């Protein structure tokens, strides 16, 4: 069997992170899009919703985040470009909570209108569990074929159990597992959502829940990979449920509060960034401080991205259509782009002078974004699309 040898050594077995420091265990992490509506490519720009634009913005952030992570492996340490890549990588590190937030918001809004448990859980299996199992198997085979894991992996039931239990078949698939758990949690939050709590109150309730989960895990649960569970995202889940209950009011809320929200996010970002840079450099950080600032920054960014998506609805142009369609195909891009990045890295490792290096990385980003999008476009409304992606 032909093997493609990647520049990276064979994948090491994941180790348990230091106690209390699990929010950001995977440097290159990713999130799938939320529940997607059927794609209507004949719809005009006015039919593209803020949800489509949110997905588009967030999947752009996902691919850029992973591309910058790849670039960091080849950038020269202690240079301006290396520092810039670290800043970009850590700043763009909010996609996981953003997609959790969006999933909670969309599901809450839907279930408040019509909650039929049988239909709900059947759709979650066909559109969530099946793609998770299928793509876990595909990526396990991919890692063996490319020489990143030994062939014995394919016949080792303990390895399969580990990968499926913690979403570790590939570095990005753990969030499909988180999404499945979000599907179970949202019906439990419906009593809170029916009370339509103010968004600010939901932020406080979610922060309290998140702190409680942190302490519970540190003292009792001691989960080996808590970031592979919905427990590590209770703040964005709670806020997403509150926004979903008040979604019709959100555009007006955003216009009234955007200055305060952006200012608050900027303040948190100023505190978060030094901690994030220290963590990615392997320097010691205080686990509770780092995790708390990460939760605060990423959840506020999720709210801001939603607000920006609503603001972009007022504009027309081909770029808006492209962004919305990208959002419609965000699941396909999410699932496929890591394999494309790895292949590009093998075919032509980035290097050269700063300009050539930057253009190479930009090319990686565009190819990893466009190829899955084109494939998804070609497969729209086919049986193969439903088989591969659950939609």
Foldseek 3Di string as FASTA:
>chain_A
DAAAAFPDAADDDDFFDPQLFFQCRDLQEAAFAADFDADDPPDALLPQALSLLLLLVLLLLNLLLNLLVLLLVVDDPPDPVNVVSLLSNVLSPQSLLLRLLQNLLVVLLVVVVPDDPVVLVVLCCLQQVLLLVVLLVVLLVVCCRNVNHPPCCVVDVVNVCVCSVQVVSDRYRLNSLQSSQLSVCSVVCNVVLVVLDDLVVLLVVQLVQLVVLSVCCSPPVVDRNCNSYPSLNSNSSSSSSSCSSVVVCLLVVCVVCVVVLVVVLVVLCVVQSVVSSCVVVVHDDDSVSNSSSSNVNSSSVSSVSSNVSVVCSVDDDPVSVVSSLLSSLRNQLSSPLVVLLSVLCSVDNADDPPVSNVVSSVVSSVCSSVPSSVVCVVCRPHPVCCNNRVD
